Amino acid sequence: MSHIFALVIESLVAILLLVTIGYCTLLNRRLTLLKADEQSLRGTIAELVTATEIAERAIQGLKLTVRECDQNLSGQLQTGTELSENLAKQLATGNDIVSRLTKVALAAKPIMSDAPRSSSEAAVAAPKTSTPKGSHAKELLAAAQAFSERRKAAGLAA
C-alpha cells in the first residue's frame, strides 16, 4: 500500500506540475501580448506628443494672427471714427452755409425788388430773363430750401 500511496502522490505532483506548466504557458502568452500592446501604446503616445506639439504651435500662430487682426481692426476703427467725425463737421459746416445762403437770399429779396435800376441795367437785365424783379432771389431761396430738405430727408443733416 505504501507503493500505491507513493504512486498516487507522485501522480498528483505530476498532474500539478502539468497544470503549472500550462498556466505558465498561458501567462507567457499574455505577457507577450502585453509587451506588444506596450510597444503600440508607446507609439501611440509618441504620436500624441507630436500632435500636441503641432497643436501648440498652431495655437501660438492663431494667437499671433488674432493680435494682428485686433491691431489692424483697431486702426481701421479709429480711422473710420475720425472720418465719421470729419464728415459730421463737414455736414454741420454745409448746413451752416445753406442756412447763411437762405438768410442772404431772404435778405436780398426785398433789396432786389426795391432797388431802382438804371436804364442801362434794365436793358442788360431784360434780355437775360423774362422773370419779374426779385425772382432770382426767390429761385435761390427755393433751391437752397430744396437742397436743405433733400439733405435732411437723406439723413445727412446733423
N, C-alpha and C. Protein backbone atom coordinates (compact mmCIF):
# COMPACT_ATOMS: atom_id res chain seq x y z
N MET A 1 0.79 -1.15 0.00
CA MET A 1 0.00 0.00 0.00
C MET A 1 0.86 1.25 0.00
N SER A 2 1.96 1.14 0.53
CA SER A 2 2.82 2.30 0.55
C SER A 2 3.32 2.63 -0.84
N HIS A 3 3.41 1.59 -1.69
CA HIS A 3 3.81 1.86 -3.07
C HIS A 3 2.68 2.57 -3.83
N ILE A 4 1.49 2.15 -3.57
CA ILE A 4 0.35 2.76 -4.24
C ILE A 4 0.19 4.20 -3.74
N PHE A 5 0.34 4.33 -2.46
CA PHE A 5 0.22 5.67 -1.89
C PHE A 5 1.29 6.60 -2.46
N ALA A 6 2.50 6.13 -2.63
CA ALA A 6 3.60 6.91 -3.19
C ALA A 6 3.31 7.21 -4.67
N LEU A 7 2.74 6.20 -5.37
CA LEU A 7 2.43 6.39 -6.79
C LEU A 7 1.31 7.44 -6.95
N VAL A 8 0.33 7.43 -6.09
CA VAL A 8 -0.75 8.40 -6.15
C VAL A 8 -0.20 9.80 -5.87
N ILE A 9 0.64 9.92 -4.91
CA ILE A 9 1.22 11.23 -4.57
C ILE A 9 2.10 11.70 -5.72
N GLU A 10 2.89 10.80 -6.30
CA GLU A 10 3.76 11.17 -7.42
C GLU A 10 2.91 11.56 -8.63
N SER A 11 1.82 10.86 -8.85
CA SER A 11 0.93 11.18 -9.96
C SER A 11 0.27 12.55 -9.73
N LEU A 12 -0.14 12.78 -8.50
CA LEU A 12 -0.74 14.05 -8.16
C LEU A 12 0.25 15.21 -8.36
N VAL A 13 1.48 15.02 -7.98
CA VAL A 13 2.52 16.03 -8.16
C VAL A 13 2.76 16.25 -9.66
N ALA A 14 2.77 15.17 -10.45
CA ALA A 14 2.99 15.28 -11.89
C ALA A 14 1.84 16.07 -12.54
N ILE A 15 0.60 15.78 -12.11
CA ILE A 15 -0.55 16.49 -12.65
C ILE A 15 -0.48 17.99 -12.28
N LEU A 16 -0.12 18.26 -11.04
CA LEU A 16 0.03 19.66 -10.61
C LEU A 16 1.14 20.35 -11.39
N LEU A 17 2.22 19.62 -11.68
CA LEU A 17 3.31 20.20 -12.48
C LEU A 17 2.82 20.50 -13.90
N LEU A 18 2.02 19.60 -14.49
CA LEU A 18 1.48 19.83 -15.82
C LEU A 18 0.53 21.05 -15.83
N VAL A 19 -0.31 21.16 -14.80
CA VAL A 19 -1.21 22.32 -14.70
C VAL A 19 -0.39 23.59 -14.54
N THR A 20 0.67 23.54 -13.76
CA THR A 20 1.54 24.70 -13.56
C THR A 20 2.22 25.08 -14.87
N ILE A 21 2.70 24.11 -15.62
CA ILE A 21 3.34 24.38 -16.91
C ILE A 21 2.32 25.00 -17.87
N GLY A 22 1.11 24.49 -17.91
CA GLY A 22 0.06 25.06 -18.77
C GLY A 22 -0.27 26.50 -18.37
N TYR A 23 -0.37 26.69 -17.06
CA TYR A 23 -0.67 28.05 -16.59
C TYR A 23 0.49 29.00 -16.91
N CYS A 24 1.72 28.55 -16.77
CA CYS A 24 2.89 29.39 -17.11
C CYS A 24 2.90 29.71 -18.61
N THR A 25 2.51 28.75 -19.44
CA THR A 25 2.44 28.98 -20.89
C THR A 25 1.38 30.06 -21.19
N LEU A 26 0.22 29.93 -20.52
CA LEU A 26 -0.83 30.92 -20.69
C LEU A 26 -0.36 32.31 -20.24
N LEU A 27 0.30 32.40 -19.10
CA LEU A 27 0.84 33.68 -18.62
C LEU A 27 1.89 34.23 -19.58
N ASN A 28 2.71 33.35 -20.16
CA ASN A 28 3.74 33.79 -21.11
C ASN A 28 3.09 34.43 -22.34
N ARG A 29 2.00 33.82 -22.83
CA ARG A 29 1.30 34.39 -23.98
C ARG A 29 0.72 35.77 -23.63
N ARG A 30 0.10 35.85 -22.48
CA ARG A 30 -0.49 37.12 -22.06
C ARG A 30 0.58 38.18 -21.87
N LEU A 31 1.71 37.84 -21.31
CA LEU A 31 2.80 38.82 -21.14
C LEU A 31 3.36 39.25 -22.50
N THR A 32 3.43 38.31 -23.44
CA THR A 32 3.91 38.65 -24.79
C THR A 32 2.93 39.64 -25.44
N LEU A 33 1.62 39.39 -25.30
CA LEU A 33 0.62 40.32 -25.85
C LEU A 33 0.70 41.68 -25.15
N LEU A 34 0.92 41.64 -23.84
CA LEU A 34 1.01 42.89 -23.09
C LEU A 34 2.22 43.70 -23.54
N LYS A 35 3.35 43.03 -23.79
CA LYS A 35 4.54 43.75 -24.27
C LYS A 35 4.30 44.30 -25.67
N ALA A 36 3.60 43.56 -26.50
CA ALA A 36 3.28 44.06 -27.85
C ALA A 36 2.35 45.27 -27.73
N ASP A 37 1.38 45.17 -26.84
CA ASP A 37 0.49 46.32 -26.61
C ASP A 37 1.26 47.50 -26.05
N GLU A 38 2.25 47.21 -25.22
CA GLU A 38 3.07 48.29 -24.65
C GLU A 38 3.81 49.02 -25.77
N GLN A 39 4.34 48.29 -26.73
CA GLN A 39 5.06 48.90 -27.85
C GLN A 39 4.11 49.75 -28.69
N SER A 40 2.92 49.22 -28.96
CA SER A 40 1.96 50.01 -29.74
C SER A 40 1.49 51.22 -28.94
N LEU A 41 1.36 51.03 -27.62
CA LEU A 41 0.96 52.15 -26.75
C LEU A 41 2.05 53.22 -26.73
N ARG A 42 3.30 52.81 -26.73
CA ARG A 42 4.40 53.79 -26.79
C ARG A 42 4.36 54.56 -28.11
N GLY A 43 4.08 53.85 -29.20
CA GLY A 43 3.95 54.51 -30.49
C GLY A 43 2.79 55.49 -30.50
N THR A 44 1.69 55.09 -29.90
CA THR A 44 0.51 55.97 -29.83
C THR A 44 0.82 57.19 -28.98
N ILE A 45 1.51 56.98 -27.87
CA ILE A 45 1.88 58.11 -27.00
C ILE A 45 2.82 59.06 -27.74
N ALA A 46 3.77 58.52 -28.50
CA ALA A 46 4.69 59.36 -29.26
C ALA A 46 3.91 60.18 -30.30
N GLU A 47 2.94 59.55 -30.96
CA GLU A 47 2.12 60.28 -31.93
C GLU A 47 1.30 61.37 -31.25
N LEU A 48 0.77 61.06 -30.06
CA LEU A 48 0.01 62.07 -29.31
C LEU A 48 0.89 63.25 -28.90
N VAL A 49 2.12 62.97 -28.50
CA VAL A 49 3.03 64.05 -28.11
C VAL A 49 3.33 64.92 -29.33
N THR A 50 3.56 64.29 -30.48
CA THR A 50 3.83 65.04 -31.71
C THR A 50 2.61 65.89 -32.10
N ALA A 51 1.43 65.29 -32.02
CA ALA A 51 0.21 66.03 -32.36
C ALA A 51 -0.01 67.18 -31.39
N THR A 52 0.31 66.97 -30.12
CA THR A 52 0.16 68.03 -29.13
C THR A 52 1.11 69.18 -29.43
N GLU A 53 2.33 68.88 -29.79
CA GLU A 53 3.30 69.93 -30.13
C GLU A 53 2.83 70.72 -31.35
N ILE A 54 2.32 70.01 -32.35
CA ILE A 54 1.82 70.69 -33.56
C ILE A 54 0.63 71.59 -33.20
N ALA A 55 -0.25 71.08 -32.35
CA ALA A 55 -1.42 71.87 -31.94
C ALA A 55 -0.99 73.11 -31.15
N GLU A 56 0.02 72.97 -30.29
CA GLU A 56 0.51 74.13 -29.53
C GLU A 56 1.08 75.19 -30.46
N ARG A 57 1.83 74.75 -31.47
CA ARG A 57 2.38 75.71 -32.44
C ARG A 57 1.26 76.38 -33.22
N ALA A 58 0.24 75.61 -33.58
CA ALA A 58 -0.89 76.18 -34.31
C ALA A 58 -1.64 77.20 -33.44
N ILE A 59 -1.79 76.89 -32.17
CA ILE A 59 -2.46 77.82 -31.25
C ILE A 59 -1.65 79.10 -31.12
N GLN A 60 -0.34 78.98 -31.02
CA GLN A 60 0.50 80.19 -30.93
C GLN A 60 0.36 81.02 -32.20
N GLY A 61 0.32 80.35 -33.35
CA GLY A 61 0.13 81.07 -34.62
C GLY A 61 -1.23 81.76 -34.66
N LEU A 62 -2.26 81.09 -34.17
CA LEU A 62 -3.59 81.70 -34.14
C LEU A 62 -3.63 82.90 -33.20
N LYS A 63 -2.95 82.79 -32.06
CA LYS A 63 -2.90 83.92 -31.13
C LYS A 63 -2.22 85.11 -31.78
N LEU A 64 -1.14 84.86 -32.50
CA LEU A 64 -0.44 85.94 -33.19
C LEU A 64 -1.34 86.56 -34.25
N THR A 65 -2.05 85.72 -35.00
CA THR A 65 -2.96 86.22 -36.03
C THR A 65 -4.08 87.05 -35.41
N VAL A 66 -4.60 86.59 -34.27
CA VAL A 66 -5.66 87.35 -33.60
C VAL A 66 -5.14 88.71 -33.14
N ARG A 67 -3.92 88.75 -32.60
CA ARG A 67 -3.35 90.03 -32.18
C ARG A 67 -3.19 90.98 -33.37
N GLU A 68 -2.68 90.44 -34.48
CA GLU A 68 -2.50 91.27 -35.68
C GLU A 68 -3.85 91.78 -36.19
N CYS A 69 -4.85 90.91 -36.22
CA CYS A 69 -6.19 91.31 -36.67
C CYS A 69 -6.76 92.37 -35.74
N ASP A 70 -6.56 92.20 -34.45
CA ASP A 70 -7.07 93.16 -33.48
C ASP A 70 -6.42 94.53 -33.69
N GLN A 71 -5.11 94.54 -33.90
CA GLN A 71 -4.42 95.81 -34.15
C GLN A 71 -4.90 96.43 -35.44
N ASN A 72 -5.05 95.62 -36.49
CA ASN A 72 -5.50 96.12 -37.78
C ASN A 72 -6.92 96.68 -37.68
N LEU A 73 -7.79 95.93 -37.03
CA LEU A 73 -9.18 96.40 -36.89
C LEU A 73 -9.25 97.63 -36.00
N SER A 74 -8.41 97.69 -34.98
CA SER A 74 -8.40 98.88 -34.12
C SER A 74 -8.00 100.10 -34.93
N GLY A 75 -6.98 99.95 -35.77
CA GLY A 75 -6.56 101.06 -36.63
C GLY A 75 -7.64 101.47 -37.60
N GLN A 76 -8.29 100.48 -38.22
CA GLN A 76 -9.36 100.80 -39.16
C GLN A 76 -10.55 101.42 -38.45
N LEU A 77 -10.85 100.96 -37.26
CA LEU A 77 -11.96 101.54 -36.49
C LEU A 77 -11.64 102.98 -36.11
N GLN A 78 -10.41 103.24 -35.72
CA GLN A 78 -10.01 104.60 -35.37
C GLN A 78 -10.08 105.50 -36.60
N THR A 79 -9.61 105.01 -37.74
CA THR A 79 -9.69 105.78 -38.98
C THR A 79 -11.14 106.05 -39.35
N GLY A 80 -11.99 105.03 -39.22
CA GLY A 80 -13.41 105.21 -39.51
C GLY A 80 -14.06 106.23 -38.60
N THR A 81 -13.68 106.20 -37.33
CA THR A 81 -14.23 107.17 -36.38
C THR A 81 -13.79 108.58 -36.74
N GLU A 82 -12.51 108.72 -37.09
CA GLU A 82 -12.01 110.04 -37.49
C GLU A 82 -12.74 110.54 -38.75
N LEU A 83 -12.92 109.63 -39.72
CA LEU A 83 -13.63 110.02 -40.95
C LEU A 83 -15.07 110.40 -40.64
N SER A 84 -15.70 109.66 -39.75
CA SER A 84 -17.09 109.96 -39.37
C SER A 84 -17.17 111.34 -38.71
N GLU A 85 -16.24 111.63 -37.82
CA GLU A 85 -16.23 112.94 -37.17
C GLU A 85 -15.98 114.05 -38.19
N ASN A 86 -15.06 113.79 -39.13
CA ASN A 86 -14.77 114.78 -40.17
C ASN A 86 -16.00 115.03 -41.04
N LEU A 87 -16.70 113.94 -41.41
CA LEU A 87 -17.92 114.11 -42.20
C LEU A 87 -19.00 114.86 -41.43
N ALA A 88 -19.11 114.58 -40.14
CA ALA A 88 -20.10 115.28 -39.32
C ALA A 88 -19.78 116.78 -39.28
N LYS A 89 -18.50 117.10 -39.15
CA LYS A 89 -18.10 118.51 -39.15
C LYS A 89 -18.41 119.15 -40.50
N GLN A 90 -18.11 118.43 -41.58
CA GLN A 90 -18.37 118.97 -42.91
C GLN A 90 -19.88 119.16 -43.14
N LEU A 91 -20.67 118.21 -42.66
CA LEU A 91 -22.12 118.35 -42.79
C LEU A 91 -22.63 119.55 -42.00
N ALA A 92 -22.09 119.73 -40.79
CA ALA A 92 -22.50 120.88 -39.99
C ALA A 92 -22.12 122.18 -40.69
N THR A 93 -20.92 122.19 -41.26
CA THR A 93 -20.47 123.37 -42.00
C THR A 93 -21.36 123.60 -43.22
N GLY A 94 -21.68 122.54 -43.95
CA GLY A 94 -22.56 122.65 -45.12
C GLY A 94 -23.94 123.16 -44.74
N ASN A 95 -24.49 122.64 -43.65
CA ASN A 95 -25.80 123.11 -43.19
C ASN A 95 -25.73 124.58 -42.77
N ASP A 96 -24.61 124.96 -42.15
CA ASP A 96 -24.43 126.36 -41.76
C ASP A 96 -24.38 127.26 -43.01
N ILE A 97 -23.67 126.78 -44.03
CA ILE A 97 -23.57 127.56 -45.27
C ILE A 97 -24.95 127.67 -45.94
N VAL A 98 -25.71 126.57 -45.95
CA VAL A 98 -27.05 126.61 -46.53
C VAL A 98 -27.92 127.59 -45.75
N SER A 99 -27.78 127.56 -44.43
CA SER A 99 -28.55 128.49 -43.60
C SER A 99 -28.16 129.93 -43.91
N ARG A 100 -26.88 130.18 -44.06
CA ARG A 100 -26.43 131.55 -44.39
C ARG A 100 -26.94 131.97 -45.76
N LEU A 101 -26.86 131.04 -46.73
CA LEU A 101 -27.34 131.36 -48.08
C LEU A 101 -28.85 131.67 -48.05
N THR A 102 -29.58 130.92 -47.24
CA THR A 102 -31.01 131.18 -47.12
C THR A 102 -31.25 132.56 -46.54
N LYS A 103 -30.48 132.89 -45.50
CA LYS A 103 -30.62 134.21 -44.89
C LYS A 103 -30.26 135.31 -45.88
N VAL A 104 -29.19 135.08 -46.64
CA VAL A 104 -28.77 136.07 -47.64
C VAL A 104 -29.86 136.22 -48.70
N ALA A 105 -30.42 135.08 -49.14
CA ALA A 105 -31.47 135.13 -50.16
C ALA A 105 -32.70 135.85 -49.63
N LEU A 106 -33.05 135.57 -48.38
CA LEU A 106 -34.20 136.25 -47.79
C LEU A 106 -33.93 137.73 -47.60
N ALA A 107 -32.71 138.06 -47.22
CA ALA A 107 -32.36 139.47 -47.03
C ALA A 107 -32.27 140.19 -48.37
N ALA A 108 -31.83 139.48 -49.40
CA ALA A 108 -31.68 140.11 -50.71
C ALA A 108 -33.01 140.27 -51.42
N LYS A 109 -33.98 139.52 -51.05
CA LYS A 109 -35.29 139.58 -51.71
C LYS A 109 -35.90 140.98 -51.68
N PRO A 110 -36.03 141.61 -50.51
CA PRO A 110 -36.60 142.96 -50.51
C PRO A 110 -35.69 143.97 -51.21
N ILE A 111 -34.38 143.78 -51.10
CA ILE A 111 -33.45 144.72 -51.72
C ILE A 111 -33.59 144.65 -53.23
N MET A 112 -33.67 143.43 -53.78
CA MET A 112 -33.75 143.27 -55.24
C MET A 112 -35.08 143.81 -55.77
N SER A 113 -36.15 143.63 -55.03
CA SER A 113 -37.44 144.11 -55.52
C SER A 113 -37.57 145.62 -55.35
N ASP A 114 -36.89 146.19 -54.34
CA ASP A 114 -36.98 147.63 -54.09
C ASP A 114 -35.87 148.42 -54.78
N ALA A 115 -34.85 147.78 -55.24
CA ALA A 115 -33.70 148.50 -55.79
C ALA A 115 -34.08 149.14 -57.12
N PRO A 116 -33.81 150.45 -57.25
CA PRO A 116 -34.08 151.11 -58.53
C PRO A 116 -33.00 150.74 -59.53
N ARG A 117 -33.42 150.52 -60.77
CA ARG A 117 -32.44 150.16 -61.80
C ARG A 117 -32.26 151.34 -62.74
N SER A 118 -31.06 151.46 -63.15
CA SER A 118 -30.82 152.48 -64.16
C SER A 118 -31.29 151.92 -65.50
N SER A 119 -31.38 152.76 -66.47
CA SER A 119 -31.89 152.33 -67.77
C SER A 119 -30.93 151.35 -68.43
N SER A 120 -29.61 151.51 -68.19
CA SER A 120 -28.65 150.58 -68.79
C SER A 120 -28.73 149.22 -68.11
N GLU A 121 -28.95 149.20 -66.78
CA GLU A 121 -29.08 147.93 -66.07
C GLU A 121 -30.34 147.22 -66.50
N ALA A 122 -31.42 147.97 -66.69
CA ALA A 122 -32.68 147.38 -67.10
C ALA A 122 -32.55 146.80 -68.50
N ALA A 123 -31.81 147.48 -69.36
CA ALA A 123 -31.65 147.00 -70.72
C ALA A 123 -30.81 145.73 -70.74
N VAL A 124 -29.80 145.66 -69.88
CA VAL A 124 -28.94 144.48 -69.83
C VAL A 124 -29.70 143.33 -69.18
N ALA A 125 -30.48 143.61 -68.14
CA ALA A 125 -31.17 142.56 -67.40
C ALA A 125 -32.37 142.03 -68.18
N ALA A 126 -33.00 142.84 -68.98
CA ALA A 126 -34.21 142.42 -69.67
C ALA A 126 -33.97 141.27 -70.64
N PRO A 127 -32.96 141.30 -71.48
CA PRO A 127 -32.80 140.18 -72.41
C PRO A 127 -32.43 138.88 -71.70
N LYS A 128 -31.75 138.95 -70.54
CA LYS A 128 -31.29 137.75 -69.87
C LYS A 128 -32.45 136.95 -69.32
N THR A 129 -33.40 137.62 -68.70
CA THR A 129 -34.51 136.90 -68.09
C THR A 129 -35.81 137.59 -68.44
N SER A 130 -36.84 136.80 -68.40
CA SER A 130 -38.15 137.38 -68.63
C SER A 130 -38.98 137.28 -67.36
N THR A 131 -38.30 137.09 -66.21
CA THR A 131 -38.99 136.96 -64.93
C THR A 131 -39.03 138.32 -64.26
N PRO A 132 -39.99 138.51 -63.37
CA PRO A 132 -40.08 139.80 -62.67
C PRO A 132 -38.92 139.98 -61.71
N LYS A 133 -38.80 141.24 -61.20
CA LYS A 133 -37.72 141.57 -60.27
C LYS A 133 -37.83 140.69 -59.04
N GLY A 134 -36.66 140.30 -58.52
CA GLY A 134 -36.61 139.52 -57.28
C GLY A 134 -36.82 138.03 -57.51
N SER A 135 -37.05 137.60 -58.72
CA SER A 135 -37.30 136.18 -58.96
C SER A 135 -36.02 135.37 -58.77
N HIS A 136 -34.86 135.99 -59.01
CA HIS A 136 -33.59 135.27 -58.79
C HIS A 136 -33.44 134.95 -57.31
N ALA A 137 -33.80 135.87 -56.48
CA ALA A 137 -33.71 135.63 -55.04
C ALA A 137 -34.67 134.53 -54.65
N LYS A 138 -35.87 134.56 -55.21
CA LYS A 138 -36.84 133.52 -54.90
C LYS A 138 -36.35 132.16 -55.38
N GLU A 139 -35.80 132.14 -56.58
CA GLU A 139 -35.27 130.88 -57.12
C GLU A 139 -34.12 130.37 -56.26
N LEU A 140 -33.25 131.28 -55.84
CA LEU A 140 -32.13 130.90 -54.99
C LEU A 140 -32.63 130.38 -53.66
N LEU A 141 -33.62 131.07 -53.09
CA LEU A 141 -34.20 130.65 -51.82
C LEU A 141 -34.84 129.27 -51.97
N ALA A 142 -35.62 129.10 -53.02
CA ALA A 142 -36.29 127.81 -53.23
C ALA A 142 -35.28 126.70 -53.44
N ALA A 143 -34.22 126.99 -54.20
CA ALA A 143 -33.18 125.98 -54.44
C ALA A 143 -32.47 125.63 -53.14
N ALA A 144 -32.15 126.64 -52.33
CA ALA A 144 -31.47 126.39 -51.05
C ALA A 144 -32.34 125.58 -50.12
N GLN A 145 -33.63 125.90 -50.06
CA GLN A 145 -34.55 125.15 -49.19
C GLN A 145 -34.72 123.72 -49.69
N ALA A 146 -34.83 123.55 -51.00
CA ALA A 146 -34.97 122.20 -51.55
C ALA A 146 -33.72 121.37 -51.25
N PHE A 147 -32.56 122.01 -51.41
CA PHE A 147 -31.30 121.32 -51.10
C PHE A 147 -31.27 120.93 -49.63
N SER A 148 -31.65 121.85 -48.77
CA SER A 148 -31.66 121.57 -47.34
C SER A 148 -32.62 120.44 -47.01
N GLU A 149 -33.78 120.44 -47.62
CA GLU A 149 -34.77 119.38 -47.37
C GLU A 149 -34.27 118.03 -47.86
N ARG A 150 -33.60 118.02 -49.02
CA ARG A 150 -33.05 116.75 -49.54
C ARG A 150 -31.99 116.22 -48.60
N ARG A 151 -31.18 117.09 -48.07
CA ARG A 151 -30.13 116.68 -47.12
C ARG A 151 -30.74 116.11 -45.86
N LYS A 152 -31.76 116.78 -45.36
CA LYS A 152 -32.43 116.30 -44.14
C LYS A 152 -33.14 114.99 -44.40
N ALA A 153 -33.77 114.85 -45.56
CA ALA A 153 -34.50 113.62 -45.88
C ALA A 153 -33.55 112.45 -46.04
N ALA A 154 -32.37 112.71 -46.56
CA ALA A 154 -31.39 111.66 -46.75
C ALA A 154 -30.70 111.29 -45.44
N GLY A 155 -30.98 112.04 -44.37
CA GLY A 155 -30.37 111.76 -43.07
C GLY A 155 -28.96 112.25 -42.95
N LEU A 156 -28.57 113.16 -43.79
CA LEU A 156 -27.20 113.64 -43.78
C LEU A 156 -27.04 114.87 -42.91
N ALA A 157 -28.14 115.50 -42.53
CA ALA A 157 -28.05 116.71 -41.72
C ALA A 157 -27.79 116.31 -40.27
N ALA A 158 -27.01 117.11 -39.58
CA ALA A 158 -26.68 116.79 -38.20
C ALA A 158 -27.78 117.23 -37.28
